[in-house]
Amino acid sequence: MLEQGQELTFDRLVGAIGEVHQRMAARAMRSVNVSLTLRNWFIGYYIEEYERGGVYRAEYGQGLMAELATELQGHGLSG
């Protein structure tokens, strides 16, 4: 980063832009990771509550995940 009183040369400008880019990209990655972790936790929670609630409990092991995957793909969600 540029410190107050430093002369702004072209090389320092390029360096400062690169550093800001790297810092902000790292922050964005951390935010995405937190969001994906929370998303996965909520999905797991909802699946567990669904199973524990007894709805289709007998068939749970026989196809819930495949059925969920098919249905979610129809909603534009994959992976």
C-alpha atoms as a PDB file:
ATOM      1  CA  MET A   1       0.000   0.000   0.000  1.00  0.00           C
ATOM      2  CA  LEU A   2       1.062   3.550  -0.510  1.00  0.00           C
ATOM      3  CA  GLU A   3       2.059   5.420   2.590  1.00  0.00           C
ATOM      4  CA  GLN A   4       1.366   9.082   3.050  1.00  0.00           C
ATOM      5  CA  GLY A   5       4.195  11.200   1.712  1.00  0.00           C
ATOM      6  CA  GLN A   6       5.475   8.601  -0.746  1.00  0.00           C
ATOM      7  CA  GLU A   7       5.925   9.726  -4.284  1.00  0.00           C
ATOM      8  CA  LEU A   8       3.399   8.051  -6.558  1.00  0.00           C
ATOM      9  CA  THR A   9       5.397   6.499  -9.347  1.00  0.00           C
ATOM     10  CA  PHE A  10       4.004   4.285 -12.063  1.00  0.00           C
ATOM     11  CA  ASP A  11       5.555   1.185 -10.460  1.00  0.00           C
ATOM     12  CA  ARG A  12       4.030   2.042  -7.064  1.00  0.00           C
ATOM     13  CA  LEU A  13       0.662   2.654  -8.720  1.00  0.00           C
ATOM     14  CA  VAL A  14       0.775  -0.788 -10.357  1.00  0.00           C
ATOM     15  CA  GLY A  15       1.880  -2.360  -7.062  1.00  0.00           C
ATOM     16  CA  ALA A  16      -0.856  -0.619  -5.065  1.00  0.00           C
ATOM     17  CA  ILE A  17      -3.552  -1.683  -7.534  1.00  0.00           C
ATOM     18  CA  GLY A  18      -2.267  -5.271  -7.449  1.00  0.00           C
ATOM     19  CA  GLU A  19      -2.217  -5.332  -3.646  1.00  0.00           C
ATOM     20  CA  VAL A  20      -5.734  -3.921  -3.342  1.00  0.00           C
ATOM     21  CA  HIS A  21      -6.950  -6.464  -5.879  1.00  0.00           C
ATOM     22  CA  GLN A  22      -5.360  -9.359  -3.946  1.00  0.00           C
ATOM     23  CA  ARG A  23      -6.710  -8.204  -0.590  1.00  0.00           C
ATOM     24  CA  MET A  24     -10.251  -7.717  -1.869  1.00  0.00           C
ATOM     25  CA  ALA A  25     -10.212 -11.042  -3.761  1.00  0.00           C
ATOM     26  CA  ALA A  26      -9.131 -12.796  -0.536  1.00  0.00           C
ATOM     27  CA  ARG A  27     -11.977 -11.127   1.388  1.00  0.00           C
ATOM     28  CA  ALA A  28     -14.457 -12.131  -1.287  1.00  0.00           C
ATOM     29  CA  MET A  29     -13.249 -15.748  -1.123  1.00  0.00           C
ATOM     30  CA  ARG A  30     -13.672 -15.819   2.666  1.00  0.00           C
ATOM     31  CA  SER A  31     -17.190 -14.405   2.342  1.00  0.00           C
ATOM     32  CA  VAL A  32     -18.089 -16.998  -0.279  1.00  0.00           C
ATOM     33  CA  ASN A  33     -16.665 -19.784   1.890  1.00  0.00           C
ATOM     34  CA  VAL A  34     -18.709 -18.644   4.896  1.00  0.00           C
ATOM     35  CA  SER A  35     -21.846 -18.410   2.765  1.00  0.00           C
ATOM     36  CA  LEU A  36     -21.340 -21.867   1.246  1.00  0.00           C
ATOM     37  CA  THR A  37     -20.695 -23.377   4.677  1.00  0.00           C
ATOM     38  CA  LEU A  38     -23.913 -21.853   6.002  1.00  0.00           C
ATOM     39  CA  ARG A  39     -25.820 -22.989   2.907  1.00  0.00           C
ATOM     40  CA  ASN A  40     -24.571 -26.556   3.323  1.00  0.00           C
ATOM     41  CA  TRP A  41     -25.399 -26.557   7.029  1.00  0.00           C
ATOM     42  CA  PHE A  42     -28.964 -25.396   6.368  1.00  0.00           C
ATOM     43  CA  ILE A  43     -29.447 -27.953   3.598  1.00  0.00           C
ATOM     44  CA  GLY A  44     -28.206 -30.717   5.892  1.00  0.00           C
ATOM     45  CA  TYR A  45     -30.432 -29.462   8.695  1.00  0.00           C
ATOM     46  CA  TYR A  46     -33.530 -29.464   6.495  1.00  0.00           C
ATOM     47  CA  ILE A  47     -32.778 -32.952   5.168  1.00  0.00           C
ATOM     48  CA  GLU A  48     -32.246 -34.252   8.711  1.00  0.00           C
ATOM     49  CA  GLU A  49     -35.499 -32.661   9.913  1.00  0.00           C
ATOM     50  CA  TYR A  50     -37.330 -34.144   6.928  1.00  0.00           C
ATOM     51  CA  GLU A  51     -35.981 -37.598   7.689  1.00  0.00           C
ATOM     52  CA  ARG A  52     -36.565 -37.342  11.435  1.00  0.00           C
ATOM     53  CA  GLY A  53     -40.108 -36.183  10.848  1.00  0.00           C
ATOM     54  CA  GLY A  54     -40.932 -39.616   9.484  1.00  0.00           C
ATOM     55  CA  VAL A  55     -42.076 -38.416   6.063  1.00  0.00           C
ATOM     56  CA  TYR A  56     -41.242 -41.193   3.611  1.00  0.00           C
ATOM     57  CA  ARG A  57     -38.919 -42.577   6.273  1.00  0.00           C
ATOM     58  CA  ALA A  58     -38.998 -46.109   4.874  1.00  0.00           C
ATOM     59  CA  GLU A  59     -37.900 -44.912   1.458  1.00  0.00           C
ATOM     60  CA  TYR A  60     -35.315 -42.455   2.752  1.00  0.00           C
ATOM     61  CA  GLY A  61     -32.342 -44.737   2.198  1.00  0.00           C
ATOM     62  CA  GLN A  62     -33.721 -45.904  -1.121  1.00  0.00           C
ATOM     63  CA  GLY A  63     -33.782 -42.691  -3.053  1.00  0.00           C
ATOM     64  CA  LEU A  64     -34.258 -39.436  -1.166  1.00  0.00           C
ATOM     65  CA  MET A  65     -30.929 -38.024  -2.338  1.00  0.00           C
ATOM     66  CA  ALA A  66     -31.503 -39.059  -5.959  1.00  0.00           C
ATOM     67  CA  GLU A  67     -35.024 -37.658  -5.906  1.00  0.00           C
ATOM     68  CA  LEU A  68     -33.817 -34.423  -4.307  1.00  0.00           C
ATOM     69  CA  ALA A  69     -31.043 -34.086  -6.896  1.00  0.00           C
ATOM     70  CA  THR A  70     -33.477 -34.557  -9.770  1.00  0.00           C
ATOM     71  CA  GLU A  71     -35.979 -32.092  -8.342  1.00  0.00           C
ATOM     72  CA  LEU A  72     -33.343 -29.466  -7.509  1.00  0.00           C
ATOM     73  CA  GLN A  73     -31.815 -29.723 -10.984  1.00  0.00           C
ATOM     74  CA  GLY A  74     -35.257 -28.855 -12.320  1.00  0.00           C
ATOM     75  CA  HIS A  75     -34.981 -25.651 -10.273  1.00  0.00           C
ATOM     76  CA  GLY A  76     -31.590 -24.802 -11.741  1.00  0.00           C
ATOM     77  CA  LEU A  77     -29.551 -26.065  -8.785  1.00  0.00           C
ATOM     78  CA  SER A  78     -26.790 -28.596  -9.255  1.00  0.00           C
ATOM     79  CA  GLY A  79     -23.921 -30.028  -7.281  1.00  0.00           C
END
